[in-house]
Amino acid sequence: MRLSSAQRREAVVRAAVTEFAAGGFHGTPMDRIAGRAGISQPYLFRLFPNKRTLFEKAVERCFQETGDFYARAAEGLRGTDALDAMARSRKRFLDDSSLPLLRLHAVTAVLAAGDPGITDQVRRSWAALWFSVEDRTGAPPAEVRAFFAQELLMIAQAALEGPRGPADDRGGPGGPGGPADGGG
């Protein structure tokens, strides 16, 4: 079965989310994304004119899917109950998804590259995610800020620590009750 151009673009965006999450903007070659998407690199450049455009699209998708994940976690809930449900779902989200790491790479790309296009996309995407959580929960800005602060800490720890090991049983940042565990 032959895929349409729109279906190929979708496959490329999905591949880009995975690859950019693993390698970041500067560390991800376009041929790796093309290979994951099952297309040639020249065809990739017919779908997306450059790496920056594809990165921006992957970042946008990443934040949209994060918002969708949190919306599903809080379905039927409001206020603190909704925010708590989102927070409880976070551990599974961090373990099962490349989206959090891509969000971290998006922020570092803004800091490292200073590219106005990437900066604008990350800013718009963060704002949309923030407002989706705020609207869904009805939580005051301070609670939403604390929610995202905790999430970013957990993403950074997951990126730095990798898989948990026996030393994590002591507690602290990577252990039970620590920030990476949703506590402390």
N, C-alpha and C. Protein backbone atom coordinates (compact mmCIF):
# COMPACT_ATOMS: atom_id res chain seq x y z
N MET A 1 0.85 -1.18 0.00
CA MET A 1 0.00 0.00 0.00
C MET A 1 0.89 1.24 0.00
N ARG A 2 0.61 2.13 -0.89
CA ARG A 2 1.38 3.36 -1.03
C ARG A 2 0.80 4.43 -0.11
N LEU A 3 1.68 5.10 0.63
CA LEU A 3 1.25 6.14 1.55
C LEU A 3 1.17 7.49 0.85
N SER A 4 0.21 8.28 1.27
CA SER A 4 0.08 9.64 0.73
C SER A 4 1.18 10.52 1.31
N SER A 5 1.35 11.67 0.74
CA SER A 5 2.33 12.64 1.24
C SER A 5 2.02 13.02 2.68
N ALA A 6 0.73 13.20 3.01
CA ALA A 6 0.34 13.55 4.38
C ALA A 6 0.69 12.43 5.35
N GLN A 7 0.49 11.18 4.92
CA GLN A 7 0.84 10.04 5.78
C GLN A 7 2.35 9.94 5.97
N ARG A 8 3.09 10.23 4.92
CA ARG A 8 4.56 10.23 5.04
C ARG A 8 5.02 11.34 5.98
N ARG A 9 4.42 12.53 5.85
CA ARG A 9 4.77 13.64 6.75
C ARG A 9 4.52 13.23 8.20
N GLU A 10 3.39 12.58 8.44
CA GLU A 10 3.06 12.12 9.79
C GLU A 10 4.10 11.12 10.29
N ALA A 11 4.50 10.18 9.45
CA ALA A 11 5.52 9.20 9.83
C ALA A 11 6.85 9.89 10.14
N VAL A 12 7.18 10.91 9.36
CA VAL A 12 8.42 11.65 9.60
C VAL A 12 8.36 12.40 10.92
N VAL A 13 7.23 13.03 11.22
CA VAL A 13 7.10 13.76 12.49
C VAL A 13 7.23 12.79 13.66
N ARG A 14 6.57 11.64 13.59
CA ARG A 14 6.69 10.64 14.66
C ARG A 14 8.14 10.19 14.83
N ALA A 15 8.81 9.93 13.71
CA ALA A 15 10.22 9.53 13.77
C ALA A 15 11.08 10.65 14.34
N ALA A 16 10.78 11.88 13.96
CA ALA A 16 11.55 13.03 14.44
C ALA A 16 11.40 13.21 15.94
N VAL A 17 10.20 13.01 16.45
CA VAL A 17 9.99 13.12 17.90
C VAL A 17 10.90 12.13 18.62
N THR A 18 10.92 10.90 18.17
CA THR A 18 11.75 9.87 18.80
C THR A 18 13.24 10.20 18.68
N GLU A 19 13.67 10.55 17.49
CA GLU A 19 15.10 10.80 17.27
C GLU A 19 15.59 12.08 17.94
N PHE A 20 14.81 13.16 17.85
CA PHE A 20 15.22 14.39 18.51
C PHE A 20 15.22 14.23 20.03
N ALA A 21 14.33 13.40 20.55
CA ALA A 21 14.32 13.14 21.99
C ALA A 21 15.60 12.43 22.41
N ALA A 22 16.10 11.56 21.56
CA ALA A 22 17.32 10.81 21.88
C ALA A 22 18.58 11.66 21.69
N GLY A 23 18.60 12.49 20.65
CA GLY A 23 19.85 13.18 20.32
C GLY A 23 19.82 14.69 20.36
N GLY A 24 18.66 15.27 20.57
CA GLY A 24 18.58 16.73 20.56
C GLY A 24 18.63 17.28 19.14
N PHE A 25 18.55 18.59 19.04
CA PHE A 25 18.54 19.24 17.72
C PHE A 25 19.88 19.04 17.01
N HIS A 26 20.96 19.38 17.66
CA HIS A 26 22.27 19.34 17.01
C HIS A 26 22.81 17.92 16.87
N GLY A 27 22.41 17.02 17.72
CA GLY A 27 22.96 15.67 17.70
C GLY A 27 22.18 14.67 16.88
N THR A 28 21.17 15.12 16.18
CA THR A 28 20.33 14.19 15.41
C THR A 28 20.49 14.45 13.92
N PRO A 29 21.12 13.53 13.20
CA PRO A 29 21.23 13.71 11.75
C PRO A 29 19.91 13.40 11.05
N MET A 30 19.67 14.11 9.98
CA MET A 30 18.43 13.93 9.23
C MET A 30 18.33 12.53 8.62
N ASP A 31 19.46 11.93 8.26
CA ASP A 31 19.39 10.59 7.68
C ASP A 31 18.87 9.56 8.69
N ARG A 32 19.12 9.80 9.97
CA ARG A 32 18.59 8.89 11.01
C ARG A 32 17.07 9.00 11.07
N ILE A 33 16.55 10.21 10.98
CA ILE A 33 15.10 10.41 10.98
C ILE A 33 14.49 9.78 9.74
N ALA A 34 15.12 10.00 8.59
CA ALA A 34 14.62 9.41 7.34
C ALA A 34 14.59 7.88 7.45
N GLY A 35 15.66 7.30 7.98
CA GLY A 35 15.70 5.84 8.14
C GLY A 35 14.60 5.33 9.05
N ARG A 36 14.38 6.01 10.17
CA ARG A 36 13.32 5.59 11.09
C ARG A 36 11.96 5.70 10.42
N ALA A 37 11.78 6.71 9.58
CA ALA A 37 10.50 6.91 8.90
C ALA A 37 10.35 6.01 7.67
N GLY A 38 11.42 5.34 7.28
CA GLY A 38 11.35 4.44 6.13
C GLY A 38 11.34 5.15 4.79
N ILE A 39 12.00 6.30 4.73
CA ILE A 39 12.07 7.05 3.47
C ILE A 39 13.52 7.47 3.23
N SER A 40 13.79 7.94 2.03
CA SER A 40 15.13 8.44 1.73
C SER A 40 15.31 9.86 2.28
N GLN A 41 16.56 10.23 2.50
CA GLN A 41 16.81 11.58 2.99
C GLN A 41 16.38 12.65 1.97
N PRO A 42 16.61 12.45 0.66
CA PRO A 42 16.12 13.46 -0.29
C PRO A 42 14.59 13.63 -0.23
N TYR A 43 13.87 12.53 -0.03
CA TYR A 43 12.41 12.65 0.08
C TYR A 43 12.03 13.39 1.36
N LEU A 44 12.77 13.14 2.43
CA LEU A 44 12.53 13.86 3.68
C LEU A 44 12.61 15.37 3.45
N PHE A 45 13.60 15.80 2.67
CA PHE A 45 13.75 17.23 2.42
C PHE A 45 12.69 17.78 1.46
N ARG A 46 12.00 16.92 0.76
CA ARG A 46 10.84 17.39 -0.01
C ARG A 46 9.65 17.63 0.90
N LEU A 47 9.58 16.86 1.99
CA LEU A 47 8.48 17.02 2.94
C LEU A 47 8.73 18.17 3.91
N PHE A 48 9.98 18.33 4.33
CA PHE A 48 10.38 19.39 5.26
C PHE A 48 11.65 20.03 4.70
N PRO A 49 11.61 21.33 4.44
CA PRO A 49 12.72 21.97 3.73
C PRO A 49 14.05 21.98 4.49
N ASN A 50 13.99 21.89 5.82
CA ASN A 50 15.24 21.91 6.59
C ASN A 50 15.00 21.29 7.96
N LYS A 51 16.09 21.09 8.65
CA LYS A 51 16.06 20.44 9.96
C LYS A 51 15.29 21.29 10.98
N ARG A 52 15.48 22.60 10.93
CA ARG A 52 14.81 23.48 11.89
C ARG A 52 13.29 23.37 11.76
N THR A 53 12.79 23.35 10.54
CA THR A 53 11.34 23.24 10.32
C THR A 53 10.81 21.93 10.88
N LEU A 54 11.54 20.86 10.66
CA LEU A 54 11.11 19.56 11.18
C LEU A 54 11.19 19.54 12.71
N PHE A 55 12.23 20.13 13.28
CA PHE A 55 12.35 20.19 14.74
C PHE A 55 11.19 20.97 15.33
N GLU A 56 10.85 22.10 14.72
CA GLU A 56 9.72 22.90 15.21
C GLU A 56 8.43 22.10 15.18
N LYS A 57 8.21 21.35 14.11
CA LYS A 57 7.00 20.53 14.00
C LYS A 57 7.01 19.41 15.05
N ALA A 58 8.17 18.81 15.27
CA ALA A 58 8.28 17.75 16.29
C ALA A 58 8.03 18.31 17.68
N VAL A 59 8.55 19.50 17.96
CA VAL A 59 8.33 20.14 19.26
C VAL A 59 6.85 20.45 19.44
N GLU A 60 6.22 21.00 18.41
CA GLU A 60 4.79 21.29 18.49
C GLU A 60 4.00 20.02 18.80
N ARG A 61 4.30 18.94 18.08
CA ARG A 61 3.62 17.66 18.29
C ARG A 61 3.87 17.14 19.70
N CYS A 62 5.08 17.25 20.16
CA CYS A 62 5.45 16.78 21.49
C CYS A 62 4.61 17.45 22.57
N PHE A 63 4.49 18.76 22.50
CA PHE A 63 3.71 19.48 23.49
C PHE A 63 2.22 19.18 23.37
N GLN A 64 1.72 19.02 22.13
CA GLN A 64 0.31 18.66 21.94
C GLN A 64 0.02 17.31 22.57
N GLU A 65 0.88 16.34 22.31
CA GLU A 65 0.66 14.99 22.85
C GLU A 65 0.79 14.97 24.37
N THR A 66 1.67 15.80 24.90
CA THR A 66 1.78 15.91 26.36
C THR A 66 0.47 16.45 26.94
N GLY A 67 -0.08 17.50 26.32
CA GLY A 67 -1.36 18.04 26.76
C GLY A 67 -2.47 17.02 26.66
N ASP A 68 -2.48 16.25 25.58
CA ASP A 68 -3.50 15.20 25.40
C ASP A 68 -3.36 14.13 26.49
N PHE A 69 -2.12 13.77 26.82
CA PHE A 69 -1.88 12.78 27.87
C PHE A 69 -2.45 13.26 29.20
N TYR A 70 -2.15 14.50 29.55
CA TYR A 70 -2.65 15.04 30.81
C TYR A 70 -4.17 15.19 30.80
N ALA A 71 -4.74 15.53 29.66
CA ALA A 71 -6.20 15.64 29.57
C ALA A 71 -6.86 14.28 29.81
N ARG A 72 -6.28 13.22 29.25
CA ARG A 72 -6.83 11.88 29.48
C ARG A 72 -6.69 11.48 30.95
N ALA A 73 -5.57 11.84 31.56
CA ALA A 73 -5.35 11.48 32.98
C ALA A 73 -6.36 12.16 33.89
N ALA A 74 -6.80 13.36 33.51
CA ALA A 74 -7.70 14.15 34.37
C ALA A 74 -9.14 14.15 33.88
N GLU A 75 -9.45 13.28 32.94
CA GLU A 75 -10.79 13.27 32.36
C GLU A 75 -11.86 13.15 33.44
N GLY A 76 -12.83 14.05 33.37
CA GLY A 76 -13.96 14.04 34.30
C GLY A 76 -13.66 14.70 35.63
N LEU A 77 -12.45 15.20 35.81
CA LEU A 77 -12.06 15.81 37.09
C LEU A 77 -11.84 17.31 36.91
N ARG A 78 -11.90 18.04 38.01
CA ARG A 78 -11.61 19.48 38.01
C ARG A 78 -10.78 19.81 39.24
N GLY A 79 -10.19 20.97 39.21
CA GLY A 79 -9.48 21.49 40.37
C GLY A 79 -8.30 20.64 40.79
N THR A 80 -8.12 20.57 42.09
CA THR A 80 -6.98 19.85 42.66
C THR A 80 -7.02 18.37 42.28
N ASP A 81 -8.23 17.80 42.19
CA ASP A 81 -8.34 16.38 41.80
C ASP A 81 -7.74 16.16 40.42
N ALA A 82 -8.03 17.07 39.49
CA ALA A 82 -7.49 16.95 38.13
C ALA A 82 -5.98 17.11 38.13
N LEU A 83 -5.48 18.10 38.85
CA LEU A 83 -4.04 18.33 38.91
C LEU A 83 -3.34 17.14 39.58
N ASP A 84 -3.93 16.60 40.62
CA ASP A 84 -3.36 15.42 41.28
C ASP A 84 -3.33 14.21 40.34
N ALA A 85 -4.39 14.03 39.56
CA ALA A 85 -4.43 12.91 38.61
C ALA A 85 -3.34 13.07 37.56
N MET A 86 -3.13 14.29 37.10
CA MET A 86 -2.06 14.54 36.14
C MET A 86 -0.70 14.24 36.76
N ALA A 87 -0.51 14.68 37.99
CA ALA A 87 0.76 14.45 38.68
C ALA A 87 1.01 12.96 38.89
N ARG A 88 -0.03 12.22 39.25
CA ARG A 88 0.12 10.77 39.46
C ARG A 88 0.47 10.05 38.16
N SER A 89 -0.01 10.56 37.04
CA SER A 89 0.23 9.91 35.76
C SER A 89 1.63 10.20 35.22
N ARG A 90 2.27 11.19 35.80
CA ARG A 90 3.56 11.65 35.29
C ARG A 90 4.63 10.57 35.26
N LYS A 91 4.72 9.77 36.28
CA LYS A 91 5.76 8.73 36.35
C LYS A 91 5.64 7.79 35.16
N ARG A 92 4.43 7.35 34.88
CA ARG A 92 4.21 6.47 33.72
C ARG A 92 4.59 7.18 32.44
N PHE A 93 4.23 8.44 32.34
CA PHE A 93 4.53 9.24 31.17
C PHE A 93 6.05 9.35 30.97
N LEU A 94 6.78 9.59 32.05
CA LEU A 94 8.23 9.71 31.95
C LEU A 94 8.87 8.38 31.57
N ASP A 95 8.33 7.29 32.07
CA ASP A 95 8.90 5.97 31.78
C ASP A 95 8.58 5.48 30.38
N ASP A 96 7.42 5.85 29.85
CA ASP A 96 6.92 5.25 28.61
C ASP A 96 6.98 6.16 27.39
N SER A 97 7.60 7.30 27.48
CA SER A 97 7.48 8.24 26.38
C SER A 97 8.77 9.00 26.14
N SER A 98 9.03 9.30 24.88
CA SER A 98 10.17 10.15 24.53
C SER A 98 9.79 11.62 24.59
N LEU A 99 8.52 11.92 24.79
CA LEU A 99 8.06 13.31 24.77
C LEU A 99 8.72 14.18 25.83
N PRO A 100 8.85 13.72 27.08
CA PRO A 100 9.49 14.60 28.06
C PRO A 100 10.92 14.98 27.69
N LEU A 101 11.68 14.03 27.16
CA LEU A 101 13.06 14.35 26.79
C LEU A 101 13.11 15.33 25.62
N LEU A 102 12.18 15.21 24.69
CA LEU A 102 12.17 16.17 23.59
C LEU A 102 11.85 17.56 24.12
N ARG A 103 10.96 17.66 25.10
CA ARG A 103 10.67 18.97 25.68
C ARG A 103 11.91 19.56 26.33
N LEU A 104 12.70 18.72 27.00
CA LEU A 104 13.95 19.18 27.60
C LEU A 104 14.92 19.63 26.50
N HIS A 105 15.05 18.84 25.44
CA HIS A 105 15.92 19.23 24.33
C HIS A 105 15.44 20.52 23.67
N ALA A 106 14.14 20.71 23.60
CA ALA A 106 13.61 21.94 22.99
C ALA A 106 14.08 23.16 23.76
N VAL A 107 14.03 23.07 25.07
CA VAL A 107 14.48 24.20 25.90
C VAL A 107 15.98 24.41 25.73
N THR A 108 16.75 23.34 25.72
CA THR A 108 18.20 23.50 25.55
C THR A 108 18.54 24.00 24.16
N ALA A 109 17.76 23.62 23.15
CA ALA A 109 18.00 24.13 21.80
C ALA A 109 17.80 25.64 21.75
N VAL A 110 16.79 26.11 22.46
CA VAL A 110 16.55 27.56 22.53
C VAL A 110 17.76 28.24 23.15
N LEU A 111 18.26 27.68 24.24
CA LEU A 111 19.39 28.28 24.93
C LEU A 111 20.67 28.21 24.10
N ALA A 112 20.89 27.09 23.42
CA ALA A 112 22.14 26.90 22.68
C ALA A 112 22.13 27.59 21.32
N ALA A 113 21.02 27.51 20.63
CA ALA A 113 20.99 28.00 19.25
C ALA A 113 20.59 29.46 19.16
N GLY A 114 19.72 29.88 20.04
CA GLY A 114 19.23 31.24 19.94
C GLY A 114 18.47 31.49 18.65
N ASP A 115 17.93 30.44 18.06
CA ASP A 115 17.20 30.54 16.80
C ASP A 115 15.81 31.09 17.08
N PRO A 116 15.45 32.23 16.48
CA PRO A 116 14.13 32.83 16.77
C PRO A 116 12.96 31.92 16.41
N GLY A 117 13.07 31.13 15.34
CA GLY A 117 11.99 30.23 14.96
C GLY A 117 11.76 29.16 16.00
N ILE A 118 12.85 28.54 16.45
CA ILE A 118 12.73 27.51 17.48
C ILE A 118 12.24 28.13 18.78
N THR A 119 12.80 29.29 19.13
CA THR A 119 12.38 29.98 20.35
C THR A 119 10.89 30.26 20.33
N ASP A 120 10.39 30.79 19.23
CA ASP A 120 8.96 31.10 19.13
C ASP A 120 8.10 29.85 19.24
N GLN A 121 8.53 28.76 18.57
CA GLN A 121 7.75 27.52 18.62
C GLN A 121 7.72 26.96 20.03
N VAL A 122 8.85 26.95 20.71
CA VAL A 122 8.90 26.43 22.08
C VAL A 122 8.04 27.30 22.99
N ARG A 123 8.13 28.61 22.83
CA ARG A 123 7.33 29.52 23.66
C ARG A 123 5.83 29.29 23.45
N ARG A 124 5.41 29.20 22.18
CA ARG A 124 3.99 28.96 21.88
C ARG A 124 3.53 27.60 22.43
N SER A 125 4.38 26.60 22.26
CA SER A 125 4.01 25.25 22.71
C SER A 125 3.92 25.17 24.23
N TRP A 126 4.86 25.79 24.94
CA TRP A 126 4.80 25.81 26.40
C TRP A 126 3.55 26.54 26.87
N ALA A 127 3.25 27.67 26.23
CA ALA A 127 2.07 28.44 26.63
C ALA A 127 0.80 27.61 26.42
N ALA A 128 0.71 26.94 25.28
CA ALA A 128 -0.48 26.12 25.00
C ALA A 128 -0.62 24.99 26.03
N LEU A 129 0.49 24.34 26.37
CA LEU A 129 0.45 23.27 27.37
C LEU A 129 0.06 23.84 28.73
N TRP A 130 0.67 24.94 29.11
CA TRP A 130 0.35 25.59 30.39
C TRP A 130 -1.14 25.89 30.48
N PHE A 131 -1.67 26.56 29.45
CA PHE A 131 -3.07 26.96 29.49
C PHE A 131 -4.01 25.76 29.42
N SER A 132 -3.60 24.68 28.75
CA SER A 132 -4.47 23.50 28.72
C SER A 132 -4.56 22.89 30.12
N VAL A 133 -3.45 22.85 30.84
CA VAL A 133 -3.48 22.32 32.22
C VAL A 133 -4.25 23.28 33.12
N GLU A 134 -4.00 24.56 32.98
CA GLU A 134 -4.70 25.55 33.80
C GLU A 134 -6.21 25.52 33.54
N ASP A 135 -6.60 25.45 32.26
CA ASP A 135 -8.03 25.42 31.92
C ASP A 135 -8.69 24.12 32.39
N ARG A 136 -8.01 23.00 32.19
CA ARG A 136 -8.58 21.70 32.56
C ARG A 136 -8.77 21.60 34.07
N THR A 137 -7.80 22.13 34.83
CA THR A 137 -7.84 21.95 36.28
C THR A 137 -8.54 23.09 37.00
N GLY A 138 -8.48 24.29 36.44
CA GLY A 138 -8.98 25.46 37.15
C GLY A 138 -8.08 25.84 38.31
N ALA A 139 -6.88 25.25 38.36
CA ALA A 139 -5.94 25.52 39.46
C ALA A 139 -5.35 26.92 39.31
N PRO A 140 -5.03 27.55 40.43
CA PRO A 140 -4.40 28.86 40.36
C PRO A 140 -2.99 28.76 39.75
N PRO A 141 -2.51 29.86 39.20
CA PRO A 141 -1.19 29.85 38.55
C PRO A 141 -0.06 29.29 39.42
N ALA A 142 -0.08 29.55 40.71
CA ALA A 142 0.99 29.05 41.58
C ALA A 142 1.00 27.52 41.61
N GLU A 143 -0.17 26.88 41.60
CA GLU A 143 -0.23 25.42 41.60
C GLU A 143 0.21 24.85 40.25
N VAL A 144 -0.19 25.52 39.17
CA VAL A 144 0.23 25.07 37.85
C VAL A 144 1.75 25.21 37.72
N ARG A 145 2.28 26.31 38.21
CA ARG A 145 3.74 26.53 38.18
C ARG A 145 4.45 25.42 38.98
N ALA A 146 3.95 25.08 40.14
CA ALA A 146 4.55 24.02 40.95
C ALA A 146 4.46 22.67 40.23
N PHE A 147 3.35 22.42 39.56
CA PHE A 147 3.16 21.19 38.79
C PHE A 147 4.26 21.06 37.73
N PHE A 148 4.45 22.13 36.95
CA PHE A 148 5.45 22.07 35.89
C PHE A 148 6.87 22.11 36.43
N ALA A 149 7.10 22.79 37.55
CA ALA A 149 8.43 22.79 38.15
C ALA A 149 8.82 21.37 38.57
N GLN A 150 7.88 20.68 39.20
CA GLN A 150 8.13 19.29 39.61
C GLN A 150 8.37 18.41 38.39
N GLU A 151 7.57 18.62 37.36
CA GLU A 151 7.72 17.82 36.15
C GLU A 151 9.09 18.04 35.51
N LEU A 152 9.52 19.29 35.40
CA LEU A 152 10.82 19.56 34.78
C LEU A 152 11.96 18.96 35.59
N LEU A 153 11.85 19.00 36.90
CA LEU A 153 12.86 18.37 37.74
C LEU A 153 12.90 16.87 37.47
N MET A 154 11.74 16.25 37.37
CA MET A 154 11.68 14.81 37.11
C MET A 154 12.25 14.47 35.74
N ILE A 155 11.98 15.31 34.74
CA ILE A 155 12.52 15.08 33.39
C ILE A 155 14.04 15.18 33.42
N ALA A 156 14.55 16.22 34.07
CA ALA A 156 16.00 16.40 34.14
C ALA A 156 16.66 15.23 34.87
N GLN A 157 16.05 14.79 35.96
CA GLN A 157 16.62 13.66 36.70
C GLN A 157 16.58 12.39 35.86
N ALA A 158 15.50 12.16 35.16
CA ALA A 158 15.41 10.97 34.32
C ALA A 158 16.48 11.01 33.24
N ALA A 159 16.71 12.17 32.67
CA ALA A 159 17.73 12.31 31.63
C ALA A 159 19.13 12.07 32.18
N LEU A 160 19.38 12.54 33.39
CA LEU A 160 20.71 12.42 33.98
C LEU A 160 20.98 11.04 34.58
N GLU A 161 19.97 10.42 35.12
CA GLU A 161 20.17 9.18 35.86
C GLU A 161 20.02 7.93 35.02
N GLY A 162 19.24 7.97 33.99
CA GLY A 162 18.99 6.76 33.23
C GLY A 162 18.21 5.77 34.07
N PRO A 163 18.36 4.49 33.80
CA PRO A 163 17.60 3.48 34.56
C PRO A 163 17.97 3.50 36.03
N ARG A 164 16.99 3.22 36.86
CA ARG A 164 17.22 3.19 38.30
C ARG A 164 17.93 1.91 38.68
N GLY A 165 18.79 2.05 39.68
CA GLY A 165 19.57 0.89 40.12
C GLY A 165 19.49 0.72 41.62
N PRO A 166 20.26 -0.24 42.17
CA PRO A 166 20.21 -0.54 43.59
C PRO A 166 20.52 0.66 44.48
N ALA A 167 21.41 1.54 44.05
CA ALA A 167 21.76 2.70 44.88
C ALA A 167 20.56 3.61 45.11
N ASP A 168 19.57 3.55 44.23
CA ASP A 168 18.39 4.40 44.36
C ASP A 168 17.54 4.02 45.56
N ASP A 169 17.75 2.86 46.14
CA ASP A 169 16.97 2.43 47.29
C ASP A 169 17.27 3.26 48.54
N ARG A 170 18.34 4.04 48.52
CA ARG A 170 18.71 4.86 49.67
C ARG A 170 17.79 6.07 49.84
N GLY A 171 17.02 6.40 48.83
CA GLY A 171 16.24 7.64 48.87
C GLY A 171 17.01 8.72 48.15
N GLY A 172 16.66 9.94 48.39
CA GLY A 172 17.33 11.04 47.70
C GLY A 172 16.71 11.28 46.35
N PRO A 173 17.40 12.04 45.50
CA PRO A 173 16.80 12.48 44.25
C PRO A 173 16.27 11.36 43.37
N GLY A 174 16.99 10.23 43.27
CA GLY A 174 16.52 9.18 42.39
C GLY A 174 15.79 8.05 43.08
N GLY A 175 15.75 8.08 44.40
CA GLY A 175 15.19 6.96 45.13
C GLY A 175 13.76 7.16 45.56
N PRO A 176 13.22 6.20 46.29
CA PRO A 176 11.84 6.28 46.75
C PRO A 176 11.60 7.54 47.57
N GLY A 177 10.55 8.23 47.24
CA GLY A 177 10.19 9.44 47.96
C GLY A 177 10.92 10.67 47.49
N GLY A 178 11.92 10.50 46.64
CA GLY A 178 12.65 11.65 46.09
C GLY A 178 11.87 12.26 44.94
N PRO A 179 12.35 13.37 44.41
CA PRO A 179 11.63 14.06 43.34
C PRO A 179 11.34 13.19 42.13
N ALA A 180 12.27 12.31 41.75
CA ALA A 180 12.02 11.48 40.58
C ALA A 180 10.94 10.44 40.83
N ASP A 181 10.61 10.23 42.08
CA ASP A 181 9.58 9.28 42.46
C ASP A 181 8.25 9.98 42.72
N GLY A 182 8.23 11.30 42.52
CA GLY A 182 7.00 12.06 42.76
C GLY A 182 6.89 12.57 44.18
N GLY A 183 7.87 12.28 45.00
CA GLY A 183 7.84 12.76 46.39
C GLY A 183 8.79 13.91 46.58
N GLY A 184 9.17 14.13 47.82
CA GLY A 184 10.15 15.08 48.27
C GLY A 184 10.28 16.29 47.56
